[in-house]
Amino acid sequence: MADFDVVLKHWGPVEADYSAHGNLVLTRLFTEHPETQTLFPKFAGIAKGDLAGNTAVSAHGATVLKKLGDLLKAKGNHATILKPLADSHANKHRIAINNFKLISEVIIKVMAEKAGLDPAGQQAMRNVMAVVIADLEANYKELGFSG
């Protein structure tokens, strides 16, 4: 519970501009892990230099961060939020669990730079994301997806 509170103390700047932060997260994810861009068919053909200005990337990044905000605010009581997310990411998008670990680290970096997430906050976020990803993986197993 304490980890969620620590992270939420730094969530305000992210929440104030989901689109800008979401674009930063996805642009950095695609830059640091180019293979992840292919997981988003509508972004596959966008040149690296054009990602930062792309409104569709910003919009999808905002969606990702809004959902993360919902998960953070649930403070571990996130089964009803996570189940449909797991279902769509397993059955429709076929996103392997490792990709959630990659984007988590990118989110932590962006929050450190843009929202003042200090080293203790970064560890708290890693702890929170470990719980969320473990629960996501459990949902994947229930669905028969070994991603």
N, C-alpha and C. Protein backbone atom coordinates (compact mmCIF):
# COMPACT_ATOMS: atom_id res chain seq x y z
N MET A 1 0.82 -1.19 0.00
CA MET A 1 0.00 0.00 0.00
C MET A 1 0.87 1.27 0.00
N ALA A 2 1.90 1.25 0.81
CA ALA A 2 2.77 2.43 0.92
C ALA A 2 3.42 2.75 -0.42
N ASP A 3 3.80 1.72 -1.18
CA ASP A 3 4.41 1.96 -2.49
C ASP A 3 3.46 2.71 -3.43
N PHE A 4 2.19 2.35 -3.40
CA PHE A 4 1.21 3.04 -4.24
C PHE A 4 1.13 4.51 -3.85
N ASP A 5 1.11 4.79 -2.55
CA ASP A 5 1.03 6.17 -2.08
C ASP A 5 2.25 6.98 -2.51
N VAL A 6 3.44 6.38 -2.44
CA VAL A 6 4.66 7.07 -2.85
C VAL A 6 4.58 7.43 -4.33
N VAL A 7 4.17 6.50 -5.15
CA VAL A 7 4.07 6.75 -6.59
C VAL A 7 3.00 7.79 -6.88
N LEU A 8 1.86 7.69 -6.21
CA LEU A 8 0.76 8.63 -6.46
C LEU A 8 1.13 10.07 -6.10
N LYS A 9 2.06 10.24 -5.19
CA LYS A 9 2.52 11.60 -4.84
C LYS A 9 3.17 12.28 -6.04
N HIS A 10 3.68 11.49 -6.97
CA HIS A 10 4.36 12.01 -8.16
C HIS A 10 3.51 11.89 -9.42
N TRP A 11 2.28 11.44 -9.27
CA TRP A 11 1.43 11.19 -10.43
C TRP A 11 0.82 12.46 -11.01
N GLY A 12 0.70 13.50 -10.21
CA GLY A 12 0.04 14.75 -10.64
C GLY A 12 0.56 15.31 -11.94
N PRO A 13 1.89 15.49 -12.10
CA PRO A 13 2.39 16.04 -13.37
C PRO A 13 2.05 15.15 -14.58
N VAL A 14 2.04 13.84 -14.37
CA VAL A 14 1.70 12.92 -15.46
C VAL A 14 0.23 13.09 -15.82
N GLU A 15 -0.60 13.11 -14.79
CA GLU A 15 -2.04 13.24 -14.98
C GLU A 15 -2.41 14.60 -15.61
N ALA A 16 -1.63 15.61 -15.32
CA ALA A 16 -1.90 16.95 -15.85
C ALA A 16 -1.72 17.02 -17.36
N ASP A 17 -0.92 16.13 -17.93
CA ASP A 17 -0.71 16.12 -19.38
C ASP A 17 -0.40 14.69 -19.84
N TYR A 18 -1.44 13.88 -19.85
CA TYR A 18 -1.28 12.49 -20.27
C TYR A 18 -0.72 12.37 -21.68
N SER A 19 -1.14 13.23 -22.59
CA SER A 19 -0.70 13.12 -23.99
C SER A 19 0.80 13.35 -24.13
N ALA A 20 1.31 14.41 -23.52
CA ALA A 20 2.74 14.70 -23.63
C ALA A 20 3.57 13.61 -22.98
N HIS A 21 3.18 13.19 -21.78
CA HIS A 21 3.93 12.13 -21.09
C HIS A 21 3.78 10.80 -21.81
N GLY A 22 2.59 10.54 -22.32
CA GLY A 22 2.36 9.30 -23.06
C GLY A 22 3.21 9.23 -24.32
N ASN A 23 3.34 10.37 -25.00
CA ASN A 23 4.19 10.41 -26.19
C ASN A 23 5.64 10.16 -25.80
N LEU A 24 6.09 10.79 -24.72
CA LEU A 24 7.47 10.56 -24.25
C LEU A 24 7.71 9.09 -23.96
N VAL A 25 6.75 8.46 -23.29
CA VAL A 25 6.90 7.05 -22.92
C VAL A 25 7.00 6.17 -24.17
N LEU A 26 6.05 6.32 -25.09
CA LEU A 26 6.07 5.45 -26.28
C LEU A 26 7.24 5.76 -27.20
N THR A 27 7.57 7.03 -27.37
CA THR A 27 8.71 7.37 -28.21
C THR A 27 9.99 6.76 -27.64
N ARG A 28 10.15 6.86 -26.33
CA ARG A 28 11.36 6.29 -25.71
C ARG A 28 11.33 4.76 -25.79
N LEU A 29 10.17 4.16 -25.56
CA LEU A 29 10.06 2.70 -25.67
C LEU A 29 10.48 2.25 -27.07
N PHE A 30 9.96 2.90 -28.09
CA PHE A 30 10.26 2.51 -29.48
C PHE A 30 11.72 2.79 -29.84
N THR A 31 12.30 3.80 -29.22
CA THR A 31 13.70 4.14 -29.49
C THR A 31 14.65 3.17 -28.78
N GLU A 32 14.36 2.90 -27.50
CA GLU A 32 15.24 2.02 -26.72
C GLU A 32 15.02 0.55 -27.05
N HIS A 33 13.82 0.20 -27.46
CA HIS A 33 13.47 -1.20 -27.78
C HIS A 33 12.71 -1.20 -29.11
N PRO A 34 13.43 -1.02 -30.22
CA PRO A 34 12.78 -0.86 -31.54
C PRO A 34 11.81 -1.99 -31.89
N GLU A 35 12.06 -3.17 -31.39
CA GLU A 35 11.18 -4.30 -31.71
C GLU A 35 9.76 -4.07 -31.18
N THR A 36 9.61 -3.25 -30.16
CA THR A 36 8.28 -3.03 -29.59
C THR A 36 7.38 -2.21 -30.52
N GLN A 37 7.96 -1.41 -31.38
CA GLN A 37 7.14 -0.60 -32.29
C GLN A 37 6.31 -1.48 -33.21
N THR A 38 6.83 -2.66 -33.54
CA THR A 38 6.09 -3.57 -34.42
C THR A 38 4.87 -4.18 -33.74
N LEU A 39 4.80 -4.09 -32.40
CA LEU A 39 3.65 -4.61 -31.67
C LEU A 39 2.43 -3.70 -31.82
N PHE A 40 2.65 -2.50 -32.33
CA PHE A 40 1.59 -1.52 -32.55
C PHE A 40 1.46 -1.33 -34.06
N PRO A 41 0.61 -2.12 -34.71
CA PRO A 41 0.54 -2.06 -36.17
C PRO A 41 0.36 -0.65 -36.74
N LYS A 42 -0.42 0.20 -36.06
CA LYS A 42 -0.65 1.54 -36.62
C LYS A 42 0.57 2.45 -36.49
N PHE A 43 1.58 2.03 -35.70
CA PHE A 43 2.79 2.83 -35.55
C PHE A 43 4.00 2.23 -36.27
N ALA A 44 3.84 1.04 -36.84
CA ALA A 44 4.97 0.31 -37.41
C ALA A 44 5.71 1.09 -38.49
N GLY A 45 5.00 1.88 -39.28
CA GLY A 45 5.65 2.59 -40.38
C GLY A 45 6.12 4.00 -40.05
N ILE A 46 5.96 4.42 -38.81
CA ILE A 46 6.36 5.78 -38.45
C ILE A 46 7.87 5.83 -38.20
N ALA A 47 8.53 6.75 -38.87
CA ALA A 47 9.98 6.90 -38.69
C ALA A 47 10.27 7.38 -37.27
N LYS A 48 11.40 6.95 -36.74
CA LYS A 48 11.79 7.32 -35.36
C LYS A 48 11.72 8.83 -35.15
N GLY A 49 12.18 9.59 -36.12
CA GLY A 49 12.20 11.04 -35.99
C GLY A 49 10.82 11.68 -36.00
N ASP A 50 9.81 10.94 -36.43
CA ASP A 50 8.45 11.47 -36.50
C ASP A 50 7.57 11.06 -35.33
N LEU A 51 8.07 10.20 -34.45
CA LEU A 51 7.27 9.71 -33.34
C LEU A 51 6.85 10.82 -32.39
N ALA A 52 7.79 11.68 -32.03
CA ALA A 52 7.53 12.71 -31.01
C ALA A 52 6.40 13.65 -31.41
N GLY A 53 6.24 13.90 -32.69
CA GLY A 53 5.19 14.81 -33.14
C GLY A 53 3.92 14.13 -33.57
N ASN A 54 3.85 12.83 -33.43
CA ASN A 54 2.71 12.09 -33.95
C ASN A 54 1.55 12.10 -32.95
N THR A 55 0.41 12.60 -33.38
CA THR A 55 -0.75 12.71 -32.47
C THR A 55 -1.33 11.34 -32.10
N ALA A 56 -1.24 10.37 -32.99
CA ALA A 56 -1.75 9.03 -32.66
C ALA A 56 -0.89 8.38 -31.58
N VAL A 57 0.42 8.59 -31.64
CA VAL A 57 1.32 8.07 -30.60
C VAL A 57 0.98 8.75 -29.27
N SER A 58 0.79 10.06 -29.30
CA SER A 58 0.42 10.79 -28.08
C SER A 58 -0.90 10.27 -27.51
N ALA A 59 -1.88 10.06 -28.37
CA ALA A 59 -3.20 9.60 -27.92
C ALA A 59 -3.11 8.20 -27.30
N HIS A 60 -2.36 7.32 -27.94
CA HIS A 60 -2.25 5.97 -27.38
C HIS A 60 -1.44 5.99 -26.08
N GLY A 61 -0.40 6.79 -26.05
CA GLY A 61 0.38 6.94 -24.81
C GLY A 61 -0.49 7.46 -23.68
N ALA A 62 -1.39 8.40 -23.99
CA ALA A 62 -2.32 8.92 -22.99
C ALA A 62 -3.23 7.81 -22.47
N THR A 63 -3.71 6.96 -23.37
CA THR A 63 -4.56 5.83 -22.98
C THR A 63 -3.81 4.90 -22.03
N VAL A 64 -2.56 4.60 -22.35
CA VAL A 64 -1.74 3.73 -21.50
C VAL A 64 -1.59 4.34 -20.11
N LEU A 65 -1.26 5.61 -20.05
CA LEU A 65 -1.03 6.25 -18.76
C LEU A 65 -2.31 6.44 -17.95
N LYS A 66 -3.43 6.69 -18.62
CA LYS A 66 -4.71 6.79 -17.90
C LYS A 66 -5.03 5.45 -17.25
N LYS A 67 -4.82 4.37 -17.97
CA LYS A 67 -5.09 3.04 -17.42
C LYS A 67 -4.14 2.76 -16.26
N LEU A 68 -2.89 3.15 -16.41
CA LEU A 68 -1.94 2.98 -15.32
C LEU A 68 -2.38 3.80 -14.11
N GLY A 69 -2.87 5.01 -14.34
CA GLY A 69 -3.39 5.83 -13.25
C GLY A 69 -4.53 5.14 -12.52
N ASP A 70 -5.43 4.51 -13.28
CA ASP A 70 -6.53 3.75 -12.66
C ASP A 70 -5.98 2.62 -11.79
N LEU A 71 -4.97 1.92 -12.31
CA LEU A 71 -4.36 0.82 -11.55
C LEU A 71 -3.68 1.34 -10.29
N LEU A 72 -2.98 2.46 -10.39
CA LEU A 72 -2.31 3.02 -9.22
C LEU A 72 -3.32 3.44 -8.16
N LYS A 73 -4.39 4.09 -8.59
CA LYS A 73 -5.40 4.58 -7.64
C LYS A 73 -6.17 3.44 -6.99
N ALA A 74 -6.19 2.27 -7.63
CA ALA A 74 -6.85 1.10 -7.04
C ALA A 74 -6.02 0.51 -5.90
N LYS A 75 -4.76 0.88 -5.83
CA LYS A 75 -3.84 0.48 -4.74
C LYS A 75 -3.85 -1.03 -4.48
N GLY A 76 -3.75 -1.79 -5.56
CA GLY A 76 -3.65 -3.24 -5.42
C GLY A 76 -4.99 -3.95 -5.58
N ASN A 77 -6.08 -3.23 -5.45
CA ASN A 77 -7.41 -3.82 -5.62
C ASN A 77 -7.84 -3.59 -7.07
N HIS A 78 -7.07 -4.18 -7.99
CA HIS A 78 -7.19 -3.85 -9.41
C HIS A 78 -7.70 -4.98 -10.30
N ALA A 79 -8.24 -6.02 -9.72
CA ALA A 79 -8.66 -7.18 -10.53
C ALA A 79 -9.66 -6.79 -11.62
N THR A 80 -10.63 -5.94 -11.29
CA THR A 80 -11.65 -5.58 -12.29
C THR A 80 -11.09 -4.70 -13.39
N ILE A 81 -9.99 -4.00 -13.11
CA ILE A 81 -9.34 -3.17 -14.13
C ILE A 81 -8.42 -4.04 -14.99
N LEU A 82 -7.72 -4.95 -14.32
CA LEU A 82 -6.68 -5.73 -14.99
C LEU A 82 -7.23 -6.84 -15.87
N LYS A 83 -8.35 -7.43 -15.48
CA LYS A 83 -8.88 -8.58 -16.22
C LYS A 83 -9.18 -8.25 -17.69
N PRO A 84 -9.92 -7.17 -17.98
CA PRO A 84 -10.16 -6.86 -19.40
C PRO A 84 -8.88 -6.45 -20.14
N LEU A 85 -7.97 -5.81 -19.43
CA LEU A 85 -6.68 -5.44 -20.02
C LEU A 85 -5.91 -6.71 -20.40
N ALA A 86 -5.89 -7.68 -19.51
CA ALA A 86 -5.21 -8.95 -19.78
C ALA A 86 -5.86 -9.65 -20.97
N ASP A 87 -7.19 -9.66 -20.97
CA ASP A 87 -7.91 -10.33 -22.05
C ASP A 87 -7.56 -9.72 -23.41
N SER A 88 -7.60 -8.40 -23.51
CA SER A 88 -7.32 -7.76 -24.81
C SER A 88 -5.85 -7.92 -25.20
N HIS A 89 -4.95 -7.81 -24.23
CA HIS A 89 -3.53 -7.90 -24.56
C HIS A 89 -3.06 -9.33 -24.82
N ALA A 90 -3.77 -10.30 -24.29
CA ALA A 90 -3.44 -11.70 -24.57
C ALA A 90 -4.11 -12.17 -25.87
N ASN A 91 -5.41 -11.98 -25.95
CA ASN A 91 -6.17 -12.56 -27.05
C ASN A 91 -6.20 -11.74 -28.33
N LYS A 92 -6.22 -10.43 -28.21
CA LYS A 92 -6.30 -9.58 -29.40
C LYS A 92 -4.92 -9.10 -29.85
N HIS A 93 -4.18 -8.51 -28.92
CA HIS A 93 -2.90 -7.90 -29.29
C HIS A 93 -1.70 -8.84 -29.21
N ARG A 94 -1.84 -9.92 -28.43
CA ARG A 94 -0.77 -10.93 -28.28
C ARG A 94 0.54 -10.31 -27.75
N ILE A 95 0.44 -9.55 -26.67
CA ILE A 95 1.59 -8.84 -26.10
C ILE A 95 2.22 -9.68 -24.99
N ALA A 96 3.47 -10.05 -25.17
CA ALA A 96 4.19 -10.86 -24.18
C ALA A 96 4.42 -10.05 -22.90
N ILE A 97 4.46 -10.73 -21.78
CA ILE A 97 4.65 -10.11 -20.46
C ILE A 97 5.92 -9.26 -20.42
N ASN A 98 6.98 -9.70 -21.05
CA ASN A 98 8.23 -8.96 -21.00
C ASN A 98 8.06 -7.52 -21.48
N ASN A 99 7.15 -7.29 -22.40
CA ASN A 99 6.93 -5.94 -22.92
C ASN A 99 6.37 -5.00 -21.85
N PHE A 100 5.62 -5.54 -20.92
CA PHE A 100 5.12 -4.73 -19.81
C PHE A 100 6.27 -4.34 -18.89
N LYS A 101 7.23 -5.23 -18.76
CA LYS A 101 8.43 -4.91 -17.96
C LYS A 101 9.23 -3.81 -18.63
N LEU A 102 9.36 -3.88 -19.95
CA LEU A 102 10.10 -2.86 -20.69
C LEU A 102 9.44 -1.49 -20.55
N ILE A 103 8.13 -1.44 -20.77
CA ILE A 103 7.45 -0.14 -20.70
C ILE A 103 7.43 0.39 -19.27
N SER A 104 7.41 -0.50 -18.30
CA SER A 104 7.46 -0.06 -16.90
C SER A 104 8.74 0.71 -16.62
N GLU A 105 9.85 0.19 -17.09
CA GLU A 105 11.14 0.87 -16.86
C GLU A 105 11.18 2.22 -17.59
N VAL A 106 10.59 2.27 -18.76
CA VAL A 106 10.54 3.53 -19.50
C VAL A 106 9.67 4.54 -18.74
N ILE A 107 8.53 4.09 -18.24
CA ILE A 107 7.65 4.98 -17.46
C ILE A 107 8.40 5.52 -16.24
N ILE A 108 9.16 4.66 -15.58
CA ILE A 108 9.93 5.09 -14.41
C ILE A 108 10.94 6.16 -14.80
N LYS A 109 11.63 5.97 -15.93
CA LYS A 109 12.61 6.97 -16.38
C LYS A 109 11.93 8.30 -16.68
N VAL A 110 10.81 8.26 -17.37
CA VAL A 110 10.09 9.49 -17.73
C VAL A 110 9.59 10.18 -16.46
N MET A 111 9.07 9.41 -15.52
CA MET A 111 8.59 10.01 -14.27
C MET A 111 9.74 10.60 -13.45
N ALA A 112 10.89 9.98 -13.51
CA ALA A 112 12.05 10.53 -12.80
C ALA A 112 12.43 11.88 -13.40
N GLU A 113 12.40 11.96 -14.72
CA GLU A 113 12.80 13.19 -15.41
C GLU A 113 11.74 14.28 -15.36
N LYS A 114 10.48 13.91 -15.49
CA LYS A 114 9.42 14.90 -15.68
C LYS A 114 8.51 15.10 -14.47
N ALA A 115 8.51 14.15 -13.54
CA ALA A 115 7.58 14.25 -12.40
C ALA A 115 8.32 14.20 -11.06
N GLY A 116 9.65 14.26 -11.11
CA GLY A 116 10.42 14.30 -9.86
C GLY A 116 10.42 13.01 -9.08
N LEU A 117 10.23 11.89 -9.74
CA LEU A 117 10.24 10.59 -9.05
C LEU A 117 11.67 10.27 -8.62
N ASP A 118 11.93 10.38 -7.32
CA ASP A 118 13.26 10.17 -6.76
C ASP A 118 13.60 8.68 -6.70
N PRO A 119 14.83 8.31 -6.31
CA PRO A 119 15.20 6.88 -6.28
C PRO A 119 14.25 6.02 -5.43
N ALA A 120 13.80 6.52 -4.29
CA ALA A 120 12.86 5.75 -3.47
C ALA A 120 11.53 5.57 -4.21
N GLY A 121 11.10 6.62 -4.90
CA GLY A 121 9.88 6.54 -5.70
C GLY A 121 10.02 5.59 -6.87
N GLN A 122 11.21 5.59 -7.46
CA GLN A 122 11.46 4.67 -8.58
C GLN A 122 11.37 3.22 -8.10
N GLN A 123 11.91 2.95 -6.92
CA GLN A 123 11.82 1.59 -6.37
C GLN A 123 10.38 1.25 -6.03
N ALA A 124 9.65 2.22 -5.49
CA ALA A 124 8.23 2.00 -5.18
C ALA A 124 7.47 1.66 -6.46
N MET A 125 7.77 2.38 -7.54
CA MET A 125 7.10 2.12 -8.82
C MET A 125 7.47 0.73 -9.33
N ARG A 126 8.73 0.34 -9.18
CA ARG A 126 9.12 -1.03 -9.59
C ARG A 126 8.34 -2.06 -8.78
N ASN A 127 8.18 -1.82 -7.49
CA ASN A 127 7.43 -2.75 -6.63
C ASN A 127 5.97 -2.83 -7.07
N VAL A 128 5.36 -1.67 -7.34
CA VAL A 128 3.97 -1.62 -7.79
C VAL A 128 3.83 -2.36 -9.11
N MET A 129 4.72 -2.06 -10.05
CA MET A 129 4.62 -2.68 -11.37
C MET A 129 4.88 -4.18 -11.30
N ALA A 130 5.72 -4.63 -10.38
CA ALA A 130 5.95 -6.07 -10.21
C ALA A 130 4.65 -6.77 -9.81
N VAL A 131 3.89 -6.14 -8.92
CA VAL A 131 2.60 -6.70 -8.49
C VAL A 131 1.62 -6.72 -9.67
N VAL A 132 1.52 -5.60 -10.36
CA VAL A 132 0.59 -5.50 -11.49
C VAL A 132 0.95 -6.52 -12.57
N ILE A 133 2.23 -6.62 -12.89
CA ILE A 133 2.66 -7.54 -13.95
C ILE A 133 2.46 -9.00 -13.51
N ALA A 134 2.71 -9.30 -12.26
CA ALA A 134 2.47 -10.68 -11.76
C ALA A 134 0.99 -11.03 -11.87
N ASP A 135 0.13 -10.08 -11.52
CA ASP A 135 -1.31 -10.33 -11.63
C ASP A 135 -1.74 -10.43 -13.09
N LEU A 136 -1.14 -9.63 -13.94
CA LEU A 136 -1.41 -9.71 -15.37
C LEU A 136 -1.00 -11.08 -15.91
N GLU A 137 0.17 -11.53 -15.49
CA GLU A 137 0.66 -12.84 -15.93
C GLU A 137 -0.26 -13.96 -15.45
N ALA A 138 -0.77 -13.84 -14.23
CA ALA A 138 -1.72 -14.84 -13.71
C ALA A 138 -2.98 -14.85 -14.57
N ASN A 139 -3.44 -13.70 -14.98
CA ASN A 139 -4.60 -13.62 -15.87
C ASN A 139 -4.28 -14.25 -17.22
N TYR A 140 -3.08 -13.99 -17.73
CA TYR A 140 -2.66 -14.60 -18.99
C TYR A 140 -2.73 -16.12 -18.89
N LYS A 141 -2.24 -16.67 -17.78
CA LYS A 141 -2.24 -18.13 -17.62
C LYS A 141 -3.67 -18.66 -17.59
N GLU A 142 -4.57 -17.96 -16.91
CA GLU A 142 -5.97 -18.37 -16.89
C GLU A 142 -6.56 -18.39 -18.30
N LEU A 143 -6.10 -17.46 -19.12
CA LEU A 143 -6.58 -17.36 -20.50
C LEU A 143 -5.88 -18.34 -21.44
N GLY A 144 -4.86 -19.01 -20.94
CA GLY A 144 -4.11 -19.96 -21.75
C GLY A 144 -3.10 -19.29 -22.67
N PHE A 145 -2.73 -18.06 -22.34
CA PHE A 145 -1.74 -17.33 -23.15
C PHE A 145 -0.41 -17.34 -22.42
N SER A 146 0.62 -17.80 -23.09
CA SER A 146 1.92 -17.93 -22.43
C SER A 146 2.89 -16.84 -22.89
N GLY A 147 2.36 -15.66 -23.14
CA GLY A 147 3.17 -14.56 -23.65
C GLY A 147 4.13 -13.98 -22.66
